[in-house]
Amino acid sequence: MRRGKSIEDIIQEECGKRKVSEEEVRKGSRRNRVSEVRAVIAFRSKEELWISGAEIARYLGVNTSSINRAPARMDHLPPK
């Protein structure tokens, strides 16, 4: 039984919308497009699920600092 949306769901949604592979996002790829998707996932996870930066970082294959800087990147991303 599922309780609701999870970070896995957000990762799938954003990767599908923005045409980026989940594997690239999870393995910490530094490609600009992947970094943008990762920033969106981090922002949504914090806002919608109230997940800590450390937990989000574990899912996305990056360090906690990059997750905590993600909201600053959101100002520069094109809407989708």
PDB file of N, CA and C in Angstrom:
ATOM      1  N   MET A   1       0.836  -1.183   0.000  1.00  0.00           N
ATOM      2  CA  MET A   1       0.000   0.000   0.000  1.00  0.00           C
ATOM      3  C   MET A   1       0.881   1.246   0.000  1.00  0.00           C
ATOM      4  N   ARG A   2       0.577   2.192  -0.856  1.00  0.00           N
ATOM      5  CA  ARG A   2       1.365   3.429  -0.955  1.00  0.00           C
ATOM      6  C   ARG A   2       0.701   4.544  -0.167  1.00  0.00           C
ATOM      7  N   ARG A   3       1.525   5.366   0.472  1.00  0.00           N
ATOM      8  CA  ARG A   3       0.991   6.463   1.280  1.00  0.00           C
ATOM      9  C   ARG A   3       0.784   7.729   0.481  1.00  0.00           C
ATOM     10  N   GLY A   4       1.480   7.897  -0.589  1.00  0.00           N
ATOM     11  CA  GLY A   4       1.400   9.129  -1.356  1.00  0.00           C
ATOM     12  C   GLY A   4       2.648   9.279  -2.190  1.00  0.00           C
ATOM     13  N   LYS A   5       2.914  10.493  -2.583  1.00  0.00           N
ATOM     14  CA  LYS A   5       4.067  10.762  -3.436  1.00  0.00           C
ATOM     15  C   LYS A   5       5.365  10.540  -2.675  1.00  0.00           C
ATOM     16  N   SER A   6       6.366  10.013  -3.376  1.00  0.00           N
ATOM     17  CA  SER A   6       7.685   9.796  -2.780  1.00  0.00           C
ATOM     18  C   SER A   6       8.736  10.497  -3.633  1.00  0.00           C
ATOM     19  N   ILE A   7       9.957  10.536  -3.144  1.00  0.00           N
ATOM     20  CA  ILE A   7      11.034  11.137  -3.924  1.00  0.00           C
ATOM     21  C   ILE A   7      11.248  10.353  -5.216  1.00  0.00           C
ATOM     22  N   GLU A   8      10.998   9.047  -5.179  1.00  0.00           N
ATOM     23  CA  GLU A   8      11.107   8.225  -6.389  1.00  0.00           C
ATOM     24  C   GLU A   8      10.131   8.735  -7.460  1.00  0.00           C
ATOM     25  N   ASP A   9       8.918   9.084  -7.040  1.00  0.00           N
ATOM     26  CA  ASP A   9       7.912   9.596  -7.978  1.00  0.00           C
ATOM     27  C   ASP A   9       8.360  10.924  -8.584  1.00  0.00           C
ATOM     28  N   ILE A  10       8.914  11.799  -7.751  1.00  0.00           N
ATOM     29  CA  ILE A  10       9.378  13.101  -8.229  1.00  0.00           C
ATOM     30  C   ILE A  10      10.519  12.916  -9.225  1.00  0.00           C
ATOM     31  N   ILE A  11      11.440  12.009  -8.928  1.00  0.00           N
ATOM     32  CA  ILE A  11      12.557  11.739  -9.837  1.00  0.00           C
ATOM     33  C   ILE A  11      12.024  11.264 -11.191  1.00  0.00           C
ATOM     34  N   GLN A  12      11.092  10.322 -11.180  1.00  0.00           N
ATOM     35  CA  GLN A  12      10.515   9.815 -12.431  1.00  0.00           C
ATOM     36  C   GLN A  12       9.816  10.922 -13.215  1.00  0.00           C
ATOM     37  N   GLU A  13       9.005  11.729 -12.530  1.00  0.00           N
ATOM     38  CA  GLU A  13       8.266  12.802 -13.197  1.00  0.00           C
ATOM     39  C   GLU A  13       9.202  13.798 -13.869  1.00  0.00           C
ATOM     40  N   GLU A  14      10.184  14.280 -13.119  1.00  0.00           N
ATOM     41  CA  GLU A  14      11.073  15.311 -13.650  1.00  0.00           C
ATOM     42  C   GLU A  14      11.980  14.775 -14.746  1.00  0.00           C
ATOM     43  N   CYS A  15      12.459  13.559 -14.609  1.00  0.00           N
ATOM     44  CA  CYS A  15      13.302  12.977 -15.658  1.00  0.00           C
ATOM     45  C   CYS A  15      12.496  12.780 -16.937  1.00  0.00           C
ATOM     46  N   GLY A  16      11.261  12.344 -16.796  1.00  0.00           N
ATOM     47  CA  GLY A  16      10.400  12.166 -17.961  1.00  0.00           C
ATOM     48  C   GLY A  16      10.069  13.486 -18.636  1.00  0.00           C
ATOM     49  N   LYS A  17       9.725  14.497 -17.842  1.00  0.00           N
ATOM     50  CA  LYS A  17       9.379  15.809 -18.383  1.00  0.00           C
ATOM     51  C   LYS A  17      10.546  16.450 -19.111  1.00  0.00           C
ATOM     52  N   ARG A  18      11.730  16.295 -18.540  1.00  0.00           N
ATOM     53  CA  ARG A  18      12.908  17.009 -19.049  1.00  0.00           C
ATOM     54  C   ARG A  18      13.837  16.131 -19.884  1.00  0.00           C
ATOM     55  N   LYS A  19      13.395  14.912 -20.182  1.00  0.00           N
ATOM     56  CA  LYS A  19      14.124  14.000 -21.079  1.00  0.00           C
ATOM     57  C   LYS A  19      15.573  13.753 -20.638  1.00  0.00           C
ATOM     58  N   VAL A  20      15.735  13.368 -19.376  1.00  0.00           N
ATOM     59  CA  VAL A  20      17.037  13.024 -18.808  1.00  0.00           C
ATOM     60  C   VAL A  20      16.895  11.651 -18.175  1.00  0.00           C
ATOM     61  N   SER A  21      17.920  10.809 -18.292  1.00  0.00           N
ATOM     62  CA  SER A  21      17.806   9.470 -17.728  1.00  0.00           C
ATOM     63  C   SER A  21      17.929   9.501 -16.204  1.00  0.00           C
ATOM     64  N   GLU A  22      17.143   8.674 -15.558  1.00  0.00           N
ATOM     65  CA  GLU A  22      17.201   8.574 -14.100  1.00  0.00           C
ATOM     66  C   GLU A  22      18.582   8.132 -13.640  1.00  0.00           C
ATOM     67  N   GLU A  23      19.214   7.275 -14.414  1.00  0.00           N
ATOM     68  CA  GLU A  23      20.537   6.776 -14.056  1.00  0.00           C
ATOM     69  C   GLU A  23      21.546   7.925 -13.961  1.00  0.00           C
ATOM     70  N   GLU A  24      21.501   8.841 -14.934  1.00  0.00           N
ATOM     71  CA  GLU A  24      22.415   9.989 -14.891  1.00  0.00           C
ATOM     72  C   GLU A  24      22.174  10.842 -13.650  1.00  0.00           C
ATOM     73  N   VAL A  25      20.920  11.050 -13.313  1.00  0.00           N
ATOM     74  CA  VAL A  25      20.579  11.866 -12.147  1.00  0.00           C
ATOM     75  C   VAL A  25      21.066  11.190 -10.867  1.00  0.00           C
ATOM     76  N   ARG A  26      20.856   9.900 -10.756  1.00  0.00           N
ATOM     77  CA  ARG A  26      21.205   9.170  -9.537  1.00  0.00           C
ATOM     78  C   ARG A  26      22.710   8.949  -9.366  1.00  0.00           C
ATOM     79  N   LYS A  27      23.436   8.973 -10.464  1.00  0.00           N
ATOM     80  CA  LYS A  27      24.874   8.713 -10.375  1.00  0.00           C
ATOM     81  C   LYS A  27      25.703   9.984 -10.271  1.00  0.00           C
ATOM     82  N   GLY A  28      25.050  11.124 -10.115  1.00  0.00           N
ATOM     83  CA  GLY A  28      25.782  12.362  -9.878  1.00  0.00           C
ATOM     84  C   GLY A  28      26.414  12.996 -11.100  1.00  0.00           C
ATOM     85  N   SER A  29      25.876  12.733 -12.293  1.00  0.00           N
ATOM     86  CA  SER A  29      26.422  13.333 -13.513  1.00  0.00           C
ATOM     87  C   SER A  29      26.494  14.851 -13.366  1.00  0.00           C
ATOM     88  N   ARG A  30      27.551  15.438 -13.935  1.00  0.00           N
ATOM     89  CA  ARG A  30      27.738  16.874 -13.812  1.00  0.00           C
ATOM     90  C   ARG A  30      27.320  17.632 -15.064  1.00  0.00           C
ATOM     91  N   ARG A  31      26.688  16.939 -15.999  1.00  0.00           N
ATOM     92  CA  ARG A  31      26.181  17.605 -17.198  1.00  0.00           C
ATOM     93  C   ARG A  31      25.184  18.684 -16.786  1.00  0.00           C
ATOM     94  N   ASN A  32      25.226  19.833 -17.455  1.00  0.00           N
ATOM     95  CA  ASN A  32      24.399  20.971 -17.064  1.00  0.00           C
ATOM     96  C   ASN A  32      22.916  20.616 -17.004  1.00  0.00           C
ATOM     97  N   ARG A  33      22.420  19.952 -18.015  1.00  0.00           N
ATOM     98  CA  ARG A  33      20.998  19.589 -18.064  1.00  0.00           C
ATOM     99  C   ARG A  33      20.627  18.683 -16.879  1.00  0.00           C
ATOM    100  N   VAL A  34      21.507  17.762 -16.530  1.00  0.00           N
ATOM    101  CA  VAL A  34      21.257  16.850 -15.415  1.00  0.00           C
ATOM    102  C   VAL A  34      21.284  17.615 -14.092  1.00  0.00           C
ATOM    103  N   SER A  35      22.203  18.555 -13.967  1.00  0.00           N
ATOM    104  CA  SER A  35      22.280  19.369 -12.753  1.00  0.00           C
ATOM    105  C   SER A  35      21.007  20.186 -12.558  1.00  0.00           C
ATOM    106  N   GLU A  36      20.454  20.686 -13.654  1.00  0.00           N
ATOM    107  CA  GLU A  36      19.211  21.450 -13.575  1.00  0.00           C
ATOM    108  C   GLU A  36      18.062  20.568 -13.093  1.00  0.00           C
ATOM    109  N   VAL A  37      17.976  19.366 -13.638  1.00  0.00           N
ATOM    110  CA  VAL A  37      16.918  18.434 -13.226  1.00  0.00           C
ATOM    111  C   VAL A  37      17.094  18.086 -11.750  1.00  0.00           C
ATOM    112  N   ARG A  38      18.324  17.859 -11.344  1.00  0.00           N
ATOM    113  CA  ARG A  38      18.612  17.533  -9.951  1.00  0.00           C
ATOM    114  C   ARG A  38      18.181  18.682  -9.030  1.00  0.00           C
ATOM    115  N   ALA A  39      18.406  19.920  -9.461  1.00  0.00           N
ATOM    116  CA  ALA A  39      18.000  21.086  -8.663  1.00  0.00           C
ATOM    117  C   ALA A  39      16.479  21.128  -8.502  1.00  0.00           C
ATOM    118  N   VAL A  40      15.765  20.833  -9.569  1.00  0.00           N
ATOM    119  CA  VAL A  40      14.294  20.822  -9.511  1.00  0.00           C
ATOM    120  C   VAL A  40      13.809  19.715  -8.575  1.00  0.00           C
ATOM    121  N   ILE A  41      14.413  18.545  -8.692  1.00  0.00           N
ATOM    122  CA  ILE A  41      14.030  17.420  -7.831  1.00  0.00           C
ATOM    123  C   ILE A  41      14.289  17.767  -6.368  1.00  0.00           C
ATOM    124  N   ALA A  42      15.445  18.368  -6.088  1.00  0.00           N
ATOM    125  CA  ALA A  42      15.776  18.746  -4.711  1.00  0.00           C
ATOM    126  C   ALA A  42      14.781  19.766  -4.174  1.00  0.00           C
ATOM    127  N   PHE A  43      14.470  20.765  -4.979  1.00  0.00           N
ATOM    128  CA  PHE A  43      13.525  21.800  -4.566  1.00  0.00           C
ATOM    129  C   PHE A  43      12.148  21.199  -4.272  1.00  0.00           C
ATOM    130  N   ARG A  44      11.656  20.399  -5.203  1.00  0.00           N
ATOM    131  CA  ARG A  44      10.336  19.792  -5.016  1.00  0.00           C
ATOM    132  C   ARG A  44      10.304  18.852  -3.817  1.00  0.00           C
ATOM    133  N   SER A  45      11.385  18.090  -3.615  1.00  0.00           N
ATOM    134  CA  SER A  45      11.435  17.149  -2.497  1.00  0.00           C
ATOM    135  C   SER A  45      11.379  17.881  -1.166  1.00  0.00           C
ATOM    136  N   LYS A  46      12.100  18.993  -1.087  1.00  0.00           N
ATOM    137  CA  LYS A  46      12.077  19.784   0.150  1.00  0.00           C
ATOM    138  C   LYS A  46      10.708  20.413   0.371  1.00  0.00           C
ATOM    139  N   GLU A  47      10.143  20.996  -0.682  1.00  0.00           N
ATOM    140  CA  GLU A  47       8.874  21.697  -0.569  1.00  0.00           C
ATOM    141  C   GLU A  47       7.677  20.765  -0.359  1.00  0.00           C
ATOM    142  N   GLU A  48       7.629  19.688  -1.125  1.00  0.00           N
ATOM    143  CA  GLU A  48       6.456  18.812  -1.110  1.00  0.00           C
ATOM    144  C   GLU A  48       6.538  17.711  -0.060  1.00  0.00           C
ATOM    145  N   LEU A  49       7.746  17.195   0.177  1.00  0.00           N
ATOM    146  CA  LEU A  49       7.887  16.031   1.059  1.00  0.00           C
ATOM    147  C   LEU A  49       8.578  16.345   2.378  1.00  0.00           C
ATOM    148  N   TRP A  50       9.156  17.535   2.480  1.00  0.00           N
ATOM    149  CA  TRP A  50       9.884  17.954   3.683  1.00  0.00           C
ATOM    150  C   TRP A  50      11.014  16.983   4.017  1.00  0.00           C
ATOM    151  N   ILE A  51      11.743  16.550   3.000  1.00  0.00           N
ATOM    152  CA  ILE A  51      12.864  15.632   3.187  1.00  0.00           C
ATOM    153  C   ILE A  51      14.123  16.452   3.431  1.00  0.00           C
ATOM    154  N   SER A  52      15.005  15.955   4.274  1.00  0.00           N
ATOM    155  CA  SER A  52      16.255  16.668   4.575  1.00  0.00           C
ATOM    156  C   SER A  52      17.183  16.672   3.362  1.00  0.00           C
ATOM    157  N   GLY A  53      18.073  17.665   3.332  1.00  0.00           N
ATOM    158  CA  GLY A  53      19.046  17.758   2.253  1.00  0.00           C
ATOM    159  C   GLY A  53      19.929  16.524   2.174  1.00  0.00           C
ATOM    160  N   ALA A  54      20.288  15.976   3.325  1.00  0.00           N
ATOM    161  CA  ALA A  54      21.154  14.793   3.354  1.00  0.00           C
ATOM    162  C   ALA A  54      20.463  13.587   2.712  1.00  0.00           C
ATOM    163  N   GLU A  55      19.193  13.415   3.001  1.00  0.00           N
ATOM    164  CA  GLU A  55      18.472  12.276   2.423  1.00  0.00           C
ATOM    165  C   GLU A  55      18.300  12.440   0.911  1.00  0.00           C
ATOM    166  N   ILE A  56      17.991  13.653   0.483  1.00  0.00           N
ATOM    167  CA  ILE A  56      17.859  13.918  -0.951  1.00  0.00           C
ATOM    168  C   ILE A  56      19.185  13.642  -1.645  1.00  0.00           C
ATOM    169  N   ALA A  57      20.279  14.085  -1.035  1.00  0.00           N
ATOM    170  CA  ALA A  57      21.612  13.891  -1.609  1.00  0.00           C
ATOM    171  C   ALA A  57      21.917  12.408  -1.802  1.00  0.00           C
ATOM    172  N   ARG A  58      21.528  11.580  -0.869  1.00  0.00           N
ATOM    173  CA  ARG A  58      21.761  10.138  -1.000  1.00  0.00           C
ATOM    174  C   ARG A  58      21.025   9.575  -2.208  1.00  0.00           C
ATOM    175  N   TYR A  59      19.809  10.023  -2.441  1.00  0.00           N
ATOM    176  CA  TYR A  59      19.041   9.544  -3.591  1.00  0.00           C
ATOM    177  C   TYR A  59      19.640  10.017  -4.915  1.00  0.00           C
ATOM    178  N   LEU A  60      20.252  11.207  -4.909  1.00  0.00           N
ATOM    179  CA  LEU A  60      20.695  11.819  -6.157  1.00  0.00           C
ATOM    180  C   LEU A  60      22.189  11.688  -6.421  1.00  0.00           C
ATOM    181  N   GLY A  61      22.914  11.033  -5.540  1.00  0.00           N
ATOM    182  CA  GLY A  61      24.325  10.766  -5.786  1.00  0.00           C
ATOM    183  C   GLY A  61      25.234  11.975  -5.719  1.00  0.00           C
ATOM    184  N   VAL A  62      24.872  12.954  -4.909  1.00  0.00           N
ATOM    185  CA  VAL A  62      25.692  14.160  -4.750  1.00  0.00           C
ATOM    186  C   VAL A  62      25.863  14.457  -3.261  1.00  0.00           C
ATOM    187  N   ASN A  63      26.660  15.497  -2.948  1.00  0.00           N
ATOM    188  CA  ASN A  63      26.830  15.831  -1.534  1.00  0.00           C
ATOM    189  C   ASN A  63      25.710  16.755  -1.051  1.00  0.00           C
ATOM    190  N   THR A  64      25.573  16.846   0.251  1.00  0.00           N
ATOM    191  CA  THR A  64      24.492  17.626   0.856  1.00  0.00           C
ATOM    192  C   THR A  64      24.586  19.103   0.484  1.00  0.00           C
ATOM    193  N   SER A  65      25.782  19.612   0.393  1.00  0.00           N
ATOM    194  CA  SER A  65      25.969  21.021   0.066  1.00  0.00           C
ATOM    195  C   SER A  65      25.336  21.380  -1.273  1.00  0.00           C
ATOM    196  N   SER A  66      25.482  20.518  -2.266  1.00  0.00           N
ATOM    197  CA  SER A  66      24.903  20.824  -3.577  1.00  0.00           C
ATOM    198  C   SER A  66      23.378  20.843  -3.518  1.00  0.00           C
ATOM    199  N   ILE A  67      22.801  20.047  -2.659  1.00  0.00           N
ATOM    200  CA  ILE A  67      21.346  20.039  -2.490  1.00  0.00           C
ATOM    201  C   ILE A  67      20.895  21.319  -1.798  1.00  0.00           C
ATOM    202  N   ASN A  68      21.635  21.736  -0.792  1.00  0.00           N
ATOM    203  CA  ASN A  68      21.254  22.945  -0.057  1.00  0.00           C
ATOM    204  C   ASN A  68      21.415  24.207  -0.901  1.00  0.00           C
ATOM    205  N   ARG A  69      22.238  24.150  -1.944  1.00  0.00           N
ATOM    206  CA  ARG A  69      22.395  25.296  -2.854  1.00  0.00           C
ATOM    207  C   ARG A  69      21.355  25.281  -3.976  1.00  0.00           C
ATOM    208  N   ALA A  70      20.617  24.214  -4.121  1.00  0.00           N
ATOM    209  CA  ALA A  70      19.666  24.051  -5.232  1.00  0.00           C
ATOM    210  C   ALA A  70      18.632  25.168  -5.328  1.00  0.00           C
ATOM    211  N   PRO A  71      18.065  25.663  -4.225  1.00  0.00           N
ATOM    212  CA  PRO A  71      17.067  26.743  -4.376  1.00  0.00           C
ATOM    213  C   PRO A  71      17.628  27.979  -5.079  1.00  0.00           C
ATOM    214  N   ALA A  72      18.898  28.272  -4.922  1.00  0.00           N
ATOM    215  CA  ALA A  72      19.501  29.417  -5.606  1.00  0.00           C
ATOM    216  C   ALA A  72      19.519  29.175  -7.115  1.00  0.00           C
ATOM    217  N   ARG A  73      19.696  27.923  -7.527  1.00  0.00           N
ATOM    218  CA  ARG A  73      19.696  27.588  -8.953  1.00  0.00           C
ATOM    219  C   ARG A  73      18.305  27.704  -9.566  1.00  0.00           C
ATOM    220  N   MET A  74      17.279  27.556  -8.771  1.00  0.00           N
ATOM    221  CA  MET A  74      15.911  27.554  -9.283  1.00  0.00           C
ATOM    222  C   MET A  74      15.565  28.877  -9.973  1.00  0.00           C
ATOM    223  N   ASP A  75      16.178  29.979  -9.554  1.00  0.00           N
ATOM    224  CA  ASP A  75      15.887  31.281 -10.163  1.00  0.00           C
ATOM    225  C   ASP A  75      16.326  31.333 -11.616  1.00  0.00           C
ATOM    226  N   HIS A  76      17.286  30.503 -12.009  1.00  0.00           N
ATOM    227  CA  HIS A  76      17.858  30.556 -13.336  1.00  0.00           C
ATOM    228  C   HIS A  76      17.304  29.488 -14.276  1.00  0.00           C
ATOM    229  N   LEU A  77      16.405  28.656 -13.799  1.00  0.00           N
ATOM    230  CA  LEU A  77      15.901  27.548 -14.625  1.00  0.00           C
ATOM    231  C   LEU A  77      14.679  27.975 -15.421  1.00  0.00           C
ATOM    232  N   PRO A  78      14.592  27.503 -16.667  1.00  0.00           N
ATOM    233  CA  PRO A  78      13.388  27.781 -17.455  1.00  0.00           C
ATOM    234  C   PRO A  78      12.224  26.946 -16.930  1.00  0.00           C
ATOM    235  N   PRO A  79      11.017  27.494 -16.919  1.00  0.00           N
ATOM    236  CA  PRO A  79       9.858  26.716 -16.435  1.00  0.00           C
ATOM    237  C   PRO A  79       9.529  25.578 -17.384  1.00  0.00           C
ATOM    238  N   LYS A  80       8.994  24.496 -16.852  1.00  0.00           N
ATOM    239  CA  LYS A  80       8.575  23.356 -17.681  1.00  0.00           C
ATOM    240  C   LYS A  80       7.193  22.960 -17.298  1.00  0.00           C
TER     241      LYS A  80
END
